[in-house]
N, C-alpha and C. Protein backbone atom coordinates (compact mmCIF):
# COMPACT_ATOMS: atom_id res chain seq x y z
N MET A 1 -0.63 78.02 -6.92
CA MET A 1 -0.48 77.86 -8.33
C MET A 1 -1.23 76.61 -8.76
N VAL A 2 -1.99 76.71 -9.84
CA VAL A 2 -2.71 75.58 -10.39
C VAL A 2 -2.31 75.44 -11.85
N SER A 3 -1.89 74.23 -12.23
CA SER A 3 -1.57 73.96 -13.62
C SER A 3 -2.25 72.66 -14.02
N ALA A 4 -2.00 72.20 -15.24
CA ALA A 4 -2.61 70.97 -15.72
C ALA A 4 -2.07 69.74 -15.01
N THR A 5 -0.89 69.84 -14.39
CA THR A 5 -0.28 68.67 -13.77
C THR A 5 -0.14 68.76 -12.26
N GLN A 6 -0.33 69.94 -11.66
CA GLN A 6 -0.16 70.04 -10.21
C GLN A 6 -0.85 71.25 -9.62
N VAL A 7 -1.04 71.17 -8.30
CA VAL A 7 -1.58 72.28 -7.52
C VAL A 7 -0.58 72.51 -6.38
N ARG A 8 -0.09 73.74 -6.25
CA ARG A 8 0.85 74.09 -5.18
C ARG A 8 0.23 75.18 -4.33
N GLY A 9 0.51 75.13 -3.04
CA GLY A 9 -0.03 76.17 -2.17
C GLY A 9 0.55 76.09 -0.77
N THR A 10 -0.02 76.88 0.11
CA THR A 10 0.38 76.89 1.51
C THR A 10 -0.87 76.69 2.35
N GLY A 11 -0.67 76.20 3.54
CA GLY A 11 -1.80 75.98 4.43
C GLY A 11 -1.40 76.19 5.87
N SER A 12 -2.38 76.33 6.71
CA SER A 12 -2.12 76.46 8.14
C SER A 12 -3.10 75.59 8.91
N LEU A 13 -2.65 75.07 10.02
CA LEU A 13 -3.46 74.27 10.92
C LEU A 13 -3.40 74.92 12.29
N ILE A 14 -4.57 75.31 12.80
CA ILE A 14 -4.64 75.94 14.11
C ILE A 14 -5.36 74.98 15.05
N SER A 15 -4.69 74.59 16.11
CA SER A 15 -5.28 73.70 17.12
C SER A 15 -5.49 74.51 18.39
N ALA A 16 -6.76 74.68 18.76
CA ALA A 16 -7.10 75.44 19.95
C ALA A 16 -7.75 74.52 20.97
N VAL A 17 -7.32 74.62 22.22
CA VAL A 17 -7.87 73.81 23.31
C VAL A 17 -8.72 74.73 24.18
N PRO A 18 -10.04 74.50 24.21
CA PRO A 18 -10.91 75.37 25.03
C PRO A 18 -10.48 75.38 26.49
N GLY A 19 -10.38 76.55 27.07
CA GLY A 19 -10.03 76.69 28.47
C GLY A 19 -8.55 76.57 28.77
N LYS A 20 -7.74 76.24 27.76
CA LYS A 20 -6.29 76.11 27.96
C LYS A 20 -5.55 76.78 26.80
N PRO A 21 -5.61 78.11 26.74
CA PRO A 21 -5.02 78.81 25.61
C PRO A 21 -3.51 78.59 25.47
N PHE A 22 -2.84 78.19 26.53
CA PHE A 22 -1.39 77.94 26.44
C PHE A 22 -1.09 76.70 25.59
N LEU A 23 -2.10 75.87 25.31
CA LEU A 23 -1.91 74.70 24.45
C LEU A 23 -2.21 74.98 22.98
N THR A 24 -2.70 76.18 22.68
CA THR A 24 -3.02 76.53 21.30
C THR A 24 -1.74 76.57 20.46
N THR A 25 -1.78 75.93 19.30
CA THR A 25 -0.63 75.91 18.39
C THR A 25 -1.08 76.24 16.98
N THR A 26 -0.15 76.76 16.20
CA THR A 26 -0.39 77.04 14.79
C THR A 26 0.78 76.48 13.99
N ASN A 27 0.46 75.71 12.96
CA ASN A 27 1.49 75.15 12.07
C ASN A 27 1.24 75.61 10.65
N PHE A 28 2.30 75.97 9.96
CA PHE A 28 2.22 76.41 8.57
C PHE A 28 3.03 75.45 7.71
N GLY A 29 2.63 75.30 6.46
CA GLY A 29 3.39 74.44 5.57
C GLY A 29 2.99 74.64 4.13
N THR A 30 3.76 74.05 3.24
CA THR A 30 3.46 74.09 1.81
C THR A 30 3.02 72.70 1.37
N PHE A 31 2.32 72.63 0.25
CA PHE A 31 1.90 71.35 -0.28
C PHE A 31 1.97 71.36 -1.80
N VAL A 32 2.06 70.17 -2.37
CA VAL A 32 2.01 69.96 -3.82
C VAL A 32 1.09 68.78 -4.07
N LEU A 33 0.04 68.97 -4.85
CA LEU A 33 -0.84 67.89 -5.26
C LEU A 33 -0.55 67.61 -6.73
N LEU A 34 -0.20 66.36 -7.03
CA LEU A 34 0.11 65.99 -8.40
C LEU A 34 -1.12 65.40 -9.07
N LYS A 35 -1.34 65.77 -10.35
CA LYS A 35 -2.46 65.25 -11.12
C LYS A 35 -1.89 64.54 -12.34
N PRO A 36 -2.17 63.32 -12.65
CA PRO A 36 -2.94 62.41 -11.83
C PRO A 36 -2.16 62.02 -10.58
N PRO A 37 -2.87 61.57 -9.53
CA PRO A 37 -2.18 61.26 -8.28
C PRO A 37 -1.17 60.14 -8.46
N VAL A 38 -0.12 60.22 -7.66
CA VAL A 38 0.89 59.17 -7.68
C VAL A 38 0.32 57.92 -7.02
N GLN A 39 0.94 56.79 -7.28
CA GLN A 39 0.50 55.52 -6.70
C GLN A 39 0.59 55.61 -5.17
N PRO A 40 -0.46 55.22 -4.42
CA PRO A 40 -0.39 55.31 -2.97
C PRO A 40 0.66 54.37 -2.40
N SER A 41 1.23 54.77 -1.28
CA SER A 41 2.22 53.91 -0.63
C SER A 41 1.53 52.71 -0.01
N THR A 42 2.30 51.71 0.34
CA THR A 42 1.73 50.49 0.90
C THR A 42 1.27 50.65 2.34
N ASN A 43 1.61 51.75 2.99
CA ASN A 43 1.20 51.94 4.39
C ASN A 43 -0.06 52.78 4.52
N GLN A 44 -0.73 53.09 3.41
CA GLN A 44 -1.97 53.86 3.46
C GLN A 44 -3.17 52.92 3.58
N VAL A 45 -4.22 53.40 4.21
CA VAL A 45 -5.43 52.62 4.41
C VAL A 45 -6.56 53.27 3.64
N ASP A 46 -7.32 52.45 2.90
CA ASP A 46 -8.49 52.98 2.20
C ASP A 46 -9.60 53.28 3.20
N LEU A 47 -10.21 54.46 3.08
CA LEU A 47 -11.32 54.85 3.95
C LEU A 47 -12.61 54.58 3.22
N VAL A 48 -13.58 54.00 3.92
CA VAL A 48 -14.88 53.71 3.34
C VAL A 48 -15.96 54.26 4.27
N THR A 49 -17.16 54.45 3.72
CA THR A 49 -18.27 54.94 4.51
C THR A 49 -18.76 53.86 5.45
N ALA A 50 -18.97 54.21 6.70
CA ALA A 50 -19.48 53.24 7.67
C ALA A 50 -20.96 52.96 7.38
N PRO A 51 -21.37 51.72 7.61
CA PRO A 51 -22.80 51.39 7.35
C PRO A 51 -23.74 52.10 8.28
């Protein structure tokens, strides 16, 4: 769902290990993105482009 104030959806993450299929895992989850974004927490790190 997309509205003027948020984006909601579901996602999946598949982690596959070549040569070791028994380690392959799949995780599913939901997410909500708020617009405008909420203030970042103090434990987040800003990412910058490396020179």
